[in-house]
């Protein structure tokens, strides 16, 4: 008994292959964008990343020591919104570019790449009593 593959079957299989390939391609782009956005200036270097949790009671850790070309990621672990920004409140003049573009909702993040050595104090613009320090070596 001979069996023939119909055009409908070939089209269905081709469609499945295209959908799987597209999914893998999109996953690869997302992964590459994440890695690329966090890399330091040194070609081939492993990205340096540090994380600061934002909680109801403040930044954890409240003082963070990092090396130059480290990206710090603030993660809002609180249900209330928070807005990380450089001191002093409300001018942010110590490091004007260190200001989240908007308040972070729960589980949202803001990141900043520190490229120069020094000490930077920061606060939550929505609750300026919450403060933190980044020491860049």
C-alpha atoms as a PDB file:
ATOM      1  CA  UNK A   1       0.000   0.000   0.000  1.00  0.00           C
ATOM      2  CA  UNK A   2       1.507   3.305  -1.097  1.00  0.00           C
ATOM      3  CA  UNK A   3       1.157   6.370   1.071  1.00  0.00           C
ATOM      4  CA  UNK A   4       1.503   9.834  -0.337  1.00  0.00           C
ATOM      5  CA  UNK A   5       2.372  12.966   1.545  1.00  0.00           C
ATOM      6  CA  UNK A   6      -0.145  15.619   0.703  1.00  0.00           C
ATOM      7  CA  UNK A   7       0.605  19.285   0.170  1.00  0.00           C
ATOM      8  CA  UNK A   8      -1.390  20.009   3.294  1.00  0.00           C
ATOM      9  CA  UNK A   9       0.900  17.784   5.388  1.00  0.00           C
ATOM     10  CA  UNK A  10       4.059  19.338   3.898  1.00  0.00           C
ATOM     11  CA  UNK A  11       2.693  22.834   4.494  1.00  0.00           C
ATOM     12  CA  UNK A  12       1.835  21.964   8.110  1.00  0.00           C
ATOM     13  CA  UNK A  13       5.307  20.562   8.791  1.00  0.00           C
ATOM     14  CA  UNK A  14       6.938  23.564   7.147  1.00  0.00           C
ATOM     15  CA  UNK A  15       4.828  25.891   9.281  1.00  0.00           C
ATOM     16  CA  UNK A  16       5.879  24.080  12.481  1.00  0.00           C
ATOM     17  CA  UNK A  17       9.578  24.318  11.492  1.00  0.00           C
ATOM     18  CA  UNK A  18       9.241  28.043  10.758  1.00  0.00           C
ATOM     19  CA  UNK A  19       7.490  28.748  14.072  1.00  0.00           C
ATOM     20  CA  UNK A  20      10.135  26.823  16.051  1.00  0.00           C
ATOM     21  CA  UNK A  21      12.990  28.542  14.171  1.00  0.00           C
ATOM     22  CA  UNK A  22      11.419  31.966  14.745  1.00  0.00           C
ATOM     23  CA  UNK A  23      11.026  31.241  18.459  1.00  0.00           C
ATOM     24  CA  UNK A  24      14.655  30.175  18.796  1.00  0.00           C
ATOM     25  CA  UNK A  25      15.806  33.229  16.838  1.00  0.00           C
ATOM     26  CA  UNK A  26      13.793  35.592  19.081  1.00  0.00           C
ATOM     27  CA  UNK A  27      15.140  33.893  22.213  1.00  0.00           C
ATOM     28  CA  UNK A  28      18.691  34.318  20.890  1.00  0.00           C
ATOM     29  CA  UNK A  29      18.123  38.023  20.160  1.00  0.00           C
ATOM     30  CA  UNK A  30      16.693  38.613  23.641  1.00  0.00           C
ATOM     31  CA  UNK A  31      19.623  36.828  25.288  1.00  0.00           C
ATOM     32  CA  UNK A  32      22.183  38.676  23.176  1.00  0.00           C
ATOM     33  CA  UNK A  33      20.600  42.059  23.882  1.00  0.00           C
ATOM     34  CA  UNK A  34      20.664  41.389  27.613  1.00  0.00           C
ATOM     35  CA  UNK A  35      24.330  40.405  27.573  1.00  0.00           C
ATOM     36  CA  UNK A  36      25.345  43.240  25.238  1.00  0.00           C
ATOM     37  CA  UNK A  37      23.619  45.907  27.311  1.00  0.00           C
ATOM     38  CA  UNK A  38      25.500  44.787  30.424  1.00  0.00           C
ATOM     39  CA  UNK A  39      29.017  44.419  29.012  1.00  0.00           C
ATOM     40  CA  UNK A  40      31.921  46.540  30.074  1.00  0.00           C
ATOM     41  CA  UNK A  41      34.102  48.467  27.623  1.00  0.00           C
ATOM     42  CA  UNK A  42      36.728  45.720  27.468  1.00  0.00           C
ATOM     43  CA  UNK A  43      36.117  43.451  24.485  1.00  0.00           C
ATOM     44  CA  UNK A  44      35.402  39.892  25.530  1.00  0.00           C
ATOM     45  CA  UNK A  45      35.114  40.805  29.202  1.00  0.00           C
ATOM     46  CA  UNK A  46      32.551  39.135  31.408  1.00  0.00           C
ATOM     47  CA  UNK A  47      29.887  41.690  32.367  1.00  0.00           C
ATOM     48  CA  UNK A  48      30.201  43.009  35.895  1.00  0.00           C
ATOM     49  CA  UNK A  49      26.805  43.306  37.513  1.00  0.00           C
ATOM     50  CA  UNK A  50      25.699  44.090  41.052  1.00  0.00           C
ATOM     51  CA  UNK A  51      22.140  44.061  42.371  1.00  0.00           C
ATOM     52  CA  UNK A  52      20.520  46.294  44.986  1.00  0.00           C
ATOM     53  CA  UNK A  53      17.085  45.284  46.269  1.00  0.00           C
ATOM     54  CA  UNK A  54      14.650  48.050  47.143  1.00  0.00           C
ATOM     55  CA  UNK A  55      12.509  47.076  50.116  1.00  0.00           C
ATOM     56  CA  UNK A  56       9.977  48.872  52.279  1.00  0.00           C
ATOM     57  CA  UNK A  57      12.735  49.625  54.798  1.00  0.00           C
ATOM     58  CA  UNK A  58      15.432  50.679  52.330  1.00  0.00           C
ATOM     59  CA  UNK A  59      18.144  49.603  49.924  1.00  0.00           C
ATOM     60  CA  UNK A  60      19.794  46.208  50.448  1.00  0.00           C
ATOM     61  CA  UNK A  61      22.742  46.401  50.685  1.00  0.00           C
ATOM     62  CA  UNK A  62      22.736  50.015  51.831  1.00  0.00           C
ATOM     63  CA  UNK A  63      26.438  50.304  50.947  1.00  0.00           C
ATOM     64  CA  UNK A  64      27.790  48.516  47.892  1.00  0.00           C
ATOM     65  CA  UNK A  65      31.443  48.333  46.811  1.00  0.00           C
ATOM     66  CA  UNK A  66      32.047  47.708  43.105  1.00  0.00           C
ATOM     67  CA  UNK A  67      34.779  48.126  40.525  1.00  0.00           C
ATOM     68  CA  UNK A  68      34.750  50.597  37.634  1.00  0.00           C
ATOM     69  CA  UNK A  69      32.591  49.491  34.665  1.00  0.00           C
ATOM     70  CA  UNK A  70      30.091  47.627  36.827  1.00  0.00           C
ATOM     71  CA  UNK A  71      26.386  47.880  36.090  1.00  0.00           C
ATOM     72  CA  UNK A  72      24.237  48.216  39.197  1.00  0.00           C
ATOM     73  CA  UNK A  73      20.659  47.004  38.881  1.00  0.00           C
ATOM     74  CA  UNK A  74      18.063  48.211  41.385  1.00  0.00           C
ATOM     75  CA  UNK A  75      15.127  45.784  41.775  1.00  0.00           C
ATOM     76  CA  UNK A  76      11.950  46.977  43.470  1.00  0.00           C
ATOM     77  CA  UNK A  77      11.000  44.169  45.846  1.00  0.00           C
ATOM     78  CA  UNK A  78       8.355  46.333  47.529  1.00  0.00           C
ATOM     79  CA  UNK A  79       4.698  46.747  46.558  1.00  0.00           C
ATOM     80  CA  UNK A  80       5.075  50.544  46.746  1.00  0.00           C
ATOM     81  CA  UNK A  81       6.785  52.436  43.891  1.00  0.00           C
ATOM     82  CA  UNK A  82      10.382  53.658  44.310  1.00  0.00           C
ATOM     83  CA  UNK A  83      12.608  55.968  42.256  1.00  0.00           C
ATOM     84  CA  UNK A  84      16.404  55.646  42.730  1.00  0.00           C
ATOM     85  CA  UNK A  85      18.253  58.952  42.195  1.00  0.00           C
ATOM     86  CA  UNK A  86      21.618  60.507  43.036  1.00  0.00           C
ATOM     87  CA  UNK A  87      21.979  62.845  46.008  1.00  0.00           C
ATOM     88  CA  UNK A  88      21.244  65.484  46.995  1.00  0.00           C
ATOM     89  CA  UNK A  89      17.454  65.436  46.998  1.00  0.00           C
ATOM     90  CA  UNK A  90      15.835  66.949  44.900  1.00  0.00           C
ATOM     91  CA  UNK A  91      18.576  68.254  42.544  1.00  0.00           C
ATOM     92  CA  UNK A  92      20.559  65.009  41.973  1.00  0.00           C
ATOM     93  CA  UNK A  93      23.610  67.205  41.285  1.00  0.00           C
ATOM     94  CA  UNK A  94      26.186  64.681  42.557  1.00  0.00           C
ATOM     95  CA  UNK A  95      25.545  62.504  39.477  1.00  0.00           C
ATOM     96  CA  UNK A  96      22.693  64.016  37.399  1.00  0.00           C
ATOM     97  CA  UNK A  97      22.500  61.029  35.045  1.00  0.00           C
ATOM     98  CA  UNK A  98      21.728  58.671  37.952  1.00  0.00           C
ATOM     99  CA  UNK A  99      17.950  59.111  38.074  1.00  0.00           C
ATOM    100  CA  UNK A 100      15.466  56.436  37.101  1.00  0.00           C
ATOM    101  CA  UNK A 101      13.307  57.713  34.226  1.00  0.00           C
ATOM    102  CA  UNK A 102      10.146  56.840  36.148  1.00  0.00           C
ATOM    103  CA  UNK A 103       9.039  55.248  39.390  1.00  0.00           C
ATOM    104  CA  UNK A 104       9.619  51.501  39.546  1.00  0.00           C
ATOM    105  CA  UNK A 105       6.654  49.274  40.260  1.00  0.00           C
ATOM    106  CA  UNK A 106       7.011  45.942  42.041  1.00  0.00           C
ATOM    107  CA  UNK A 107       9.661  43.713  40.394  1.00  0.00           C
ATOM    108  CA  UNK A 108      10.648  46.470  37.935  1.00  0.00           C
ATOM    109  CA  UNK A 109      14.315  47.375  37.537  1.00  0.00           C
ATOM    110  CA  UNK A 110      16.572  50.323  36.808  1.00  0.00           C
ATOM    111  CA  UNK A 111      20.252  49.973  35.925  1.00  0.00           C
ATOM    112  CA  UNK A 112      23.211  52.321  35.756  1.00  0.00           C
ATOM    113  CA  UNK A 113      26.768  51.699  34.522  1.00  0.00           C
ATOM    114  CA  UNK A 114      29.413  53.221  36.809  1.00  0.00           C
ATOM    115  CA  UNK A 115      32.458  54.188  34.708  1.00  0.00           C
ATOM    116  CA  UNK A 116      34.498  56.311  37.147  1.00  0.00           C
ATOM    117  CA  UNK A 117      35.969  55.656  40.577  1.00  0.00           C
ATOM    118  CA  UNK A 118      34.478  57.496  43.534  1.00  0.00           C
ATOM    119  CA  UNK A 119      31.653  57.384  46.036  1.00  0.00           C
ATOM    120  CA  UNK A 120      28.070  58.114  45.061  1.00  0.00           C
ATOM    121  CA  UNK A 121      25.263  58.603  47.541  1.00  0.00           C
ATOM    122  CA  UNK A 122      21.710  58.073  46.353  1.00  0.00           C
ATOM    123  CA  UNK A 123      18.162  58.027  47.687  1.00  0.00           C
ATOM    124  CA  UNK A 124      14.593  57.139  46.795  1.00  0.00           C
ATOM    125  CA  UNK A 125      13.080  60.285  45.261  1.00  0.00           C
ATOM    126  CA  UNK A 126       9.621  59.203  46.460  1.00  0.00           C
ATOM    127  CA  UNK A 127      10.884  58.620  50.022  1.00  0.00           C
ATOM    128  CA  UNK A 128      14.170  60.555  50.463  1.00  0.00           C
ATOM    129  CA  UNK A 129      14.806  59.059  53.908  1.00  0.00           C
ATOM    130  CA  UNK A 130      15.722  55.794  52.144  1.00  0.00           C
ATOM    131  CA  UNK A 131      19.396  56.175  51.199  1.00  0.00           C
ATOM    132  CA  UNK A 132      22.298  54.169  49.886  1.00  0.00           C
ATOM    133  CA  UNK A 133      25.952  54.446  48.883  1.00  0.00           C
ATOM    134  CA  UNK A 134      27.919  53.033  45.963  1.00  0.00           C
ATOM    135  CA  UNK A 135      31.713  52.909  46.371  1.00  0.00           C
ATOM    136  CA  UNK A 136      33.402  52.545  42.962  1.00  0.00           C
ATOM    137  CA  UNK A 137      37.069  51.407  43.070  1.00  0.00           C
END
